[in-house]
Amino acid sequence: MKAERVPIVKAAKILGVNPWTLRRYAYSGKMPCIVSETGYRYVPTWWIEQQLGKTPRSGTRCAIYARESSSENKAALESQLNGLRSFATAKGYNIVQIVSEYGSGVDDKREKLTKLITKSDFDVLLIEHKDRLTRFGFSWFETLCPFRIEVINVAENDEHDLMDDLVAIITSFSARLYGQRRGRKKTEAAIKAIKETET
């Protein structure tokens, strides 16, 4: 089998089972599944070969990291995690750790992320977008981390998340320049000015 994925019907024929059996496996999570942009489901070749006893499961240890700016984005965080799990399964990775948290992309004191990269007992760190890991200095992470960072989706930044990060930056600098109380007023004024320029 040269292709990395095959249609469910073809996979069922190779394995000698009913296609509906594989569809049930796919929907219940018992079988890894690759979903195309048009909604068609495919079975990874490595999984078929594993069922046939030809190859062992990949030894690549994978950690998943997902982040959203605030708890208001709970549904988005869950969707992000589901996408990462599906991708890791399709690649044949062994998921050894899943970390998710709420916080700004410019915050360098995210406890869960710090603990994850300090431990680093995995081979690949899987993230949805570069900015899920950090808003700035992504190349430094790639250079310094002892594991490989794999980004599964290169897309435009989320506008709401960008605004939250901008607010965090303004708040931080205002607090340093004017003190906490006066800094908060300066931040509110700056945010108001930004919103007025958007309309």
Foldseek 3Di string as FASTA:
>chain_A
DPDQWAALCVLCVLVVHDSVVVVVCPVVVVFQWDADPVGGIIHGPVVSCVSVVNDDQDAFEEEEEFEAADCVCVVVRVVQVVVQVSVCVSVRHHYPYYYYDHHALADPPDPRLVVCQVVPPGAEYEGAELSRNHPDDSVVCCVPGPHHYDHDDYDDDDPVSVLSNVLVVQLVVLCVVPNNPVSVVVSVVVSVVVVVVVD
